[in-house]
Amino acid sequence: MFDAAPLTATDKPELYAELARQVDGLLHGETHLIANAANFAALVFHALPDLNWCGFYLAEGDELVVGPFQGKPACVRIAFGRGVCGTAAATRQTQLVPDVHAFAGHIACDSASRSEIVVPLLRADGTLLGVWDVDSPLPARFDDADRLGMEALCARFLHACGL
């Protein structure tokens, strides 16, 4: 069983570097998408402060379908272009939202969420696998350091899965 060491970093880049090492150790030698997604979500949820939900939405046709996650039950299907996740899927760009209530078309799966970051997950051939979605009950919880850190973690996840 993998036992994540407590994160002791004092700044975000250092924190994400520590978390990246833990992701590499946790996913090493395993390529199964769902198994890796479940462990990745659990690791991030328990390692980063002030999160109330994190997980995957996987592309299926022209919508996203909820995958492995940590937190309260979630919306099951999200159309491309709808809400923060659907916007990330449609634009293929990370969405950093300091105030979800100010985001036109935000989908409130959990009314406690106040800020959100969503990273599109692209396979090596450029096709969309899905998105990595992280919510916080704090407004403006995520910044550019989180964007860079989350994008780097997602790249490690995709690499571990052979995608």
C-alpha atoms as a PDB file:
ATOM      1  CA  MET A   1       0.000   0.000   0.000  1.00  0.00           C
ATOM      2  CA  PHE A   2       1.241   3.472  -0.873  1.00  0.00           C
ATOM      3  CA  ASP A   3       1.529   5.811   2.086  1.00  0.00           C
ATOM      4  CA  ALA A   4       1.935   9.435   1.020  1.00  0.00           C
ATOM      5  CA  ALA A   5       4.391  11.406   3.098  1.00  0.00           C
ATOM      6  CA  PRO A   6       2.960  14.611   4.538  1.00  0.00           C
ATOM      7  CA  LEU A   7       3.642  17.627   2.372  1.00  0.00           C
ATOM      8  CA  THR A   8       5.986  20.006   4.154  1.00  0.00           C
ATOM      9  CA  ALA A   9       6.570  22.616   1.453  1.00  0.00           C
ATOM     10  CA  THR A  10       6.354  26.248   2.443  1.00  0.00           C
ATOM     11  CA  ASP A  11       5.503  27.694  -0.987  1.00  0.00           C
ATOM     12  CA  LYS A  12       3.305  26.485  -3.840  1.00  0.00           C
ATOM     13  CA  PRO A  13       6.017  25.586  -6.378  1.00  0.00           C
ATOM     14  CA  GLU A  14       7.788  23.497  -3.729  1.00  0.00           C
ATOM     15  CA  LEU A  15       4.470  21.960  -2.635  1.00  0.00           C
ATOM     16  CA  TYR A  16       3.639  20.928  -6.203  1.00  0.00           C
ATOM     17  CA  ALA A  17       7.162  19.554  -6.715  1.00  0.00           C
ATOM     18  CA  GLU A  18       6.694  17.360  -3.619  1.00  0.00           C
ATOM     19  CA  LEU A  19       3.255  16.298  -4.822  1.00  0.00           C
ATOM     20  CA  ALA A  20       4.680  15.481  -8.282  1.00  0.00           C
ATOM     21  CA  ARG A  21       7.194  13.128  -6.673  1.00  0.00           C
ATOM     22  CA  GLN A  22       4.361  11.440  -4.788  1.00  0.00           C
ATOM     23  CA  VAL A  23       2.302  11.113  -7.991  1.00  0.00           C
ATOM     24  CA  ASP A  24       5.282   9.528  -9.742  1.00  0.00           C
ATOM     25  CA  GLY A  25       5.714   7.023  -6.909  1.00  0.00           C
ATOM     26  CA  LEU A  26       2.015   6.232  -6.632  1.00  0.00           C
ATOM     27  CA  LEU A  27       1.457   5.669 -10.360  1.00  0.00           C
ATOM     28  CA  HIS A  28       4.824   4.065 -11.163  1.00  0.00           C
ATOM     29  CA  GLY A  29       4.428   0.923 -13.236  1.00  0.00           C
ATOM     30  CA  GLU A  30       0.632   1.163 -13.524  1.00  0.00           C
ATOM     31  CA  THR A  31      -1.097   2.235 -16.756  1.00  0.00           C
ATOM     32  CA  HIS A  32      -4.755   1.463 -15.982  1.00  0.00           C
ATOM     33  CA  LEU A  33      -6.654   4.709 -16.506  1.00  0.00           C
ATOM     34  CA  ILE A  34      -9.397   4.286 -13.895  1.00  0.00           C
ATOM     35  CA  ALA A  35      -7.079   2.869 -11.223  1.00  0.00           C
ATOM     36  CA  ASN A  36      -4.616   5.717 -11.735  1.00  0.00           C
ATOM     37  CA  ALA A  37      -7.387   8.327 -11.817  1.00  0.00           C
ATOM     38  CA  ALA A  38      -8.848   7.058  -8.541  1.00  0.00           C
ATOM     39  CA  ASN A  39      -5.500   7.113  -6.757  1.00  0.00           C
ATOM     40  CA  PHE A  40      -4.522  10.478  -8.276  1.00  0.00           C
ATOM     41  CA  ALA A  41      -7.778  12.072  -7.083  1.00  0.00           C
ATOM     42  CA  ALA A  42      -7.388  10.648  -3.574  1.00  0.00           C
ATOM     43  CA  LEU A  43      -3.780  11.784  -3.318  1.00  0.00           C
ATOM     44  CA  VAL A  44      -4.478  15.360  -4.427  1.00  0.00           C
ATOM     45  CA  PHE A  45      -7.630  15.670  -2.300  1.00  0.00           C
ATOM     46  CA  HIS A  46      -5.781  14.681   0.857  1.00  0.00           C
ATOM     47  CA  ALA A  47      -2.521  16.506   0.079  1.00  0.00           C
ATOM     48  CA  LEU A  48      -3.741  19.991  -0.823  1.00  0.00           C
ATOM     49  CA  PRO A  49      -5.483  22.265   1.662  1.00  0.00           C
ATOM     50  CA  ASP A  50      -8.882  23.878   1.232  1.00  0.00           C
ATOM     51  CA  LEU A  51     -10.423  21.569  -1.373  1.00  0.00           C
ATOM     52  CA  ASN A  52     -13.987  20.295  -1.249  1.00  0.00           C
ATOM     53  CA  TRP A  53     -13.954  18.300  -4.510  1.00  0.00           C
ATOM     54  CA  CYS A  54     -11.475  17.045  -7.067  1.00  0.00           C
ATOM     55  CA  GLY A  55     -11.792  14.529  -9.812  1.00  0.00           C
ATOM     56  CA  PHE A  56     -12.071  13.585 -13.430  1.00  0.00           C
ATOM     57  CA  TYR A  57     -14.684  14.077 -16.087  1.00  0.00           C
ATOM     58  CA  LEU A  58     -14.032  11.854 -19.099  1.00  0.00           C
ATOM     59  CA  ALA A  59     -14.987  12.774 -22.663  1.00  0.00           C
ATOM     60  CA  GLU A  60     -17.738  10.682 -24.198  1.00  0.00           C
ATOM     61  CA  GLY A  61     -19.153  11.952 -27.477  1.00  0.00           C
ATOM     62  CA  ASP A  62     -19.883  15.659 -27.054  1.00  0.00           C
ATOM     63  CA  GLU A  63     -20.100  15.610 -23.275  1.00  0.00           C
ATOM     64  CA  LEU A  64     -18.118  14.879 -20.133  1.00  0.00           C
ATOM     65  CA  VAL A  65     -19.081  12.010 -17.820  1.00  0.00           C
ATOM     66  CA  VAL A  66     -18.008  11.964 -14.183  1.00  0.00           C
ATOM     67  CA  GLY A  67     -15.096   9.639 -13.403  1.00  0.00           C
ATOM     68  CA  PRO A  68     -13.095   8.909 -10.254  1.00  0.00           C
ATOM     69  CA  PHE A  69     -13.300  11.719  -7.705  1.00  0.00           C
ATOM     70  CA  GLN A  70     -13.128  12.691  -4.035  1.00  0.00           C
ATOM     71  CA  GLY A  71     -15.855  14.772  -2.395  1.00  0.00           C
ATOM     72  CA  LYS A  72     -19.644  14.942  -2.412  1.00  0.00           C
ATOM     73  CA  PRO A  73     -21.644  13.300  -5.215  1.00  0.00           C
ATOM     74  CA  ALA A  74     -21.194  15.186  -8.477  1.00  0.00           C
ATOM     75  CA  CYS A  75     -23.036  16.131 -11.638  1.00  0.00           C
ATOM     76  CA  VAL A  76     -22.921  13.090 -13.907  1.00  0.00           C
ATOM     77  CA  ARG A  77     -22.930  14.636 -17.393  1.00  0.00           C
ATOM     78  CA  ILE A  78     -21.741  18.044 -18.598  1.00  0.00           C
ATOM     79  CA  ALA A  79     -22.063  19.195 -22.206  1.00  0.00           C
ATOM     80  CA  PHE A  80     -18.992  20.631 -23.925  1.00  0.00           C
ATOM     81  CA  GLY A  81     -19.129  24.409 -23.602  1.00  0.00           C
ATOM     82  CA  ARG A  82     -21.328  24.340 -20.491  1.00  0.00           C
ATOM     83  CA  GLY A  83     -19.977  25.467 -17.106  1.00  0.00           C
ATOM     84  CA  VAL A  84     -16.303  25.597 -16.187  1.00  0.00           C
ATOM     85  CA  CYS A  85     -15.600  21.956 -17.064  1.00  0.00           C
ATOM     86  CA  GLY A  86     -17.420  22.121 -20.376  1.00  0.00           C
ATOM     87  CA  THR A  87     -15.598  25.351 -21.244  1.00  0.00           C
ATOM     88  CA  ALA A  88     -12.215  23.751 -20.523  1.00  0.00           C
ATOM     89  CA  ALA A  89     -13.202  20.794 -22.712  1.00  0.00           C
ATOM     90  CA  ALA A  90     -14.403  22.991 -25.578  1.00  0.00           C
ATOM     91  CA  THR A  91     -11.487  25.457 -25.522  1.00  0.00           C
ATOM     92  CA  ARG A  92      -8.773  22.939 -24.538  1.00  0.00           C
ATOM     93  CA  GLN A  93      -7.491  25.620 -22.127  1.00  0.00           C
ATOM     94  CA  THR A  94      -7.154  25.567 -18.349  1.00  0.00           C
ATOM     95  CA  GLN A  95      -9.910  27.520 -16.637  1.00  0.00           C
ATOM     96  CA  LEU A  96      -8.920  29.385 -13.458  1.00  0.00           C
ATOM     97  CA  VAL A  97     -12.045  30.789 -11.815  1.00  0.00           C
ATOM     98  CA  PRO A  98     -11.602  32.869  -8.632  1.00  0.00           C
ATOM     99  CA  ASP A  99     -15.379  33.283  -8.135  1.00  0.00           C
ATOM    100  CA  VAL A 100     -17.608  30.596  -9.626  1.00  0.00           C
ATOM    101  CA  HIS A 101     -20.688  32.765  -9.042  1.00  0.00           C
ATOM    102  CA  ALA A 102     -19.260  35.305 -11.505  1.00  0.00           C
ATOM    103  CA  PHE A 103     -18.671  32.632 -14.191  1.00  0.00           C
ATOM    104  CA  ALA A 104     -21.523  32.723 -16.691  1.00  0.00           C
ATOM    105  CA  GLY A 105     -23.200  29.337 -16.855  1.00  0.00           C
ATOM    106  CA  HIS A 106     -21.444  27.867 -13.797  1.00  0.00           C
ATOM    107  CA  ILE A 107     -22.934  24.516 -12.806  1.00  0.00           C
ATOM    108  CA  ALA A 108     -23.318  24.315  -9.027  1.00  0.00           C
ATOM    109  CA  CYS A 109     -22.918  20.619  -8.245  1.00  0.00           C
ATOM    110  CA  ASP A 110     -21.902  21.596  -4.687  1.00  0.00           C
ATOM    111  CA  SER A 111     -23.214  24.959  -3.450  1.00  0.00           C
ATOM    112  CA  ALA A 112     -20.211  25.202  -1.087  1.00  0.00           C
ATOM    113  CA  SER A 113     -17.784  25.635  -4.009  1.00  0.00           C
ATOM    114  CA  ARG A 114     -16.543  29.205  -4.434  1.00  0.00           C
ATOM    115  CA  SER A 115     -13.514  28.851  -6.736  1.00  0.00           C
ATOM    116  CA  GLU A 116     -12.413  26.285  -9.289  1.00  0.00           C
ATOM    117  CA  ILE A 117      -9.619  25.221 -11.591  1.00  0.00           C
ATOM    118  CA  VAL A 118     -10.144  22.841 -14.520  1.00  0.00           C
ATOM    119  CA  VAL A 119      -7.331  21.399 -16.633  1.00  0.00           C
ATOM    120  CA  PRO A 120      -8.111  19.791 -20.008  1.00  0.00           C
ATOM    121  CA  LEU A 121      -6.494  16.374 -20.434  1.00  0.00           C
ATOM    122  CA  LEU A 122      -5.145  15.887 -23.932  1.00  0.00           C
ATOM    123  CA  ARG A 123      -3.729  12.621 -25.252  1.00  0.00           C
ATOM    124  CA  ALA A 124      -0.404  12.682 -27.128  1.00  0.00           C
ATOM    125  CA  ASP A 125      -2.352  12.778 -30.417  1.00  0.00           C
ATOM    126  CA  GLY A 126      -4.186  15.931 -29.265  1.00  0.00           C
ATOM    127  CA  THR A 127      -7.586  14.345 -28.667  1.00  0.00           C
ATOM    128  CA  LEU A 128      -9.454  15.145 -25.487  1.00  0.00           C
ATOM    129  CA  LEU A 129      -9.455  12.470 -22.782  1.00  0.00           C
ATOM    130  CA  GLY A 130     -11.435  14.651 -20.376  1.00  0.00           C
ATOM    131  CA  VAL A 131     -10.775  17.245 -17.690  1.00  0.00           C
ATOM    132  CA  TRP A 132      -9.302  17.392 -14.186  1.00  0.00           C
ATOM    133  CA  ASP A 133     -11.595  19.494 -11.979  1.00  0.00           C
ATOM    134  CA  VAL A 134     -10.719  20.930  -8.547  1.00  0.00           C
ATOM    135  CA  ASP A 135     -13.104  22.976  -6.365  1.00  0.00           C
ATOM    136  CA  SER A 136     -12.589  24.953  -3.175  1.00  0.00           C
ATOM    137  CA  PRO A 137     -14.994  26.457  -0.652  1.00  0.00           C
ATOM    138  CA  LEU A 138     -12.693  29.508  -0.514  1.00  0.00           C
ATOM    139  CA  PRO A 139     -12.970  32.350  -3.013  1.00  0.00           C
ATOM    140  CA  ALA A 140      -9.818  32.924  -5.085  1.00  0.00           C
ATOM    141  CA  ARG A 141      -8.217  29.733  -3.688  1.00  0.00           C
ATOM    142  CA  PHE A 142      -6.340  29.058  -6.941  1.00  0.00           C
ATOM    143  CA  ASP A 143      -3.739  31.231  -8.658  1.00  0.00           C
ATOM    144  CA  ASP A 144      -1.220  30.936 -11.472  1.00  0.00           C
ATOM    145  CA  ALA A 145       1.100  28.809  -9.302  1.00  0.00           C
ATOM    146  CA  ASP A 146      -1.782  26.343  -8.853  1.00  0.00           C
ATOM    147  CA  ARG A 147      -2.442  26.403 -12.598  1.00  0.00           C
ATOM    148  CA  LEU A 148       1.176  25.545 -13.370  1.00  0.00           C
ATOM    149  CA  GLY A 149       1.259  22.915 -10.618  1.00  0.00           C
ATOM    150  CA  MET A 150      -2.008  21.249 -11.656  1.00  0.00           C
ATOM    151  CA  GLU A 151      -1.000  21.222 -15.325  1.00  0.00           C
ATOM    152  CA  ALA A 152       2.315  19.561 -14.393  1.00  0.00           C
ATOM    153  CA  LEU A 153       0.544  16.957 -12.224  1.00  0.00           C
ATOM    154  CA  CYS A 154      -1.896  16.207 -15.052  1.00  0.00           C
ATOM    155  CA  ALA A 155       0.988  15.768 -17.504  1.00  0.00           C
ATOM    156  CA  ARG A 156       2.502  13.196 -15.126  1.00  0.00           C
ATOM    157  CA  PHE A 157      -0.862  11.436 -14.831  1.00  0.00           C
ATOM    158  CA  LEU A 158      -1.232  11.229 -18.632  1.00  0.00           C
ATOM    159  CA  HIS A 159       2.335   9.969 -19.020  1.00  0.00           C
ATOM    160  CA  ALA A 160       1.822   7.269 -16.362  1.00  0.00           C
ATOM    161  CA  CYS A 161      -1.280   6.093 -18.229  1.00  0.00           C
ATOM    162  CA  GLY A 162       0.648   5.912 -21.494  1.00  0.00           C
ATOM    163  CA  LEU A 163      -1.438   8.629 -23.067  1.00  0.00           C
END
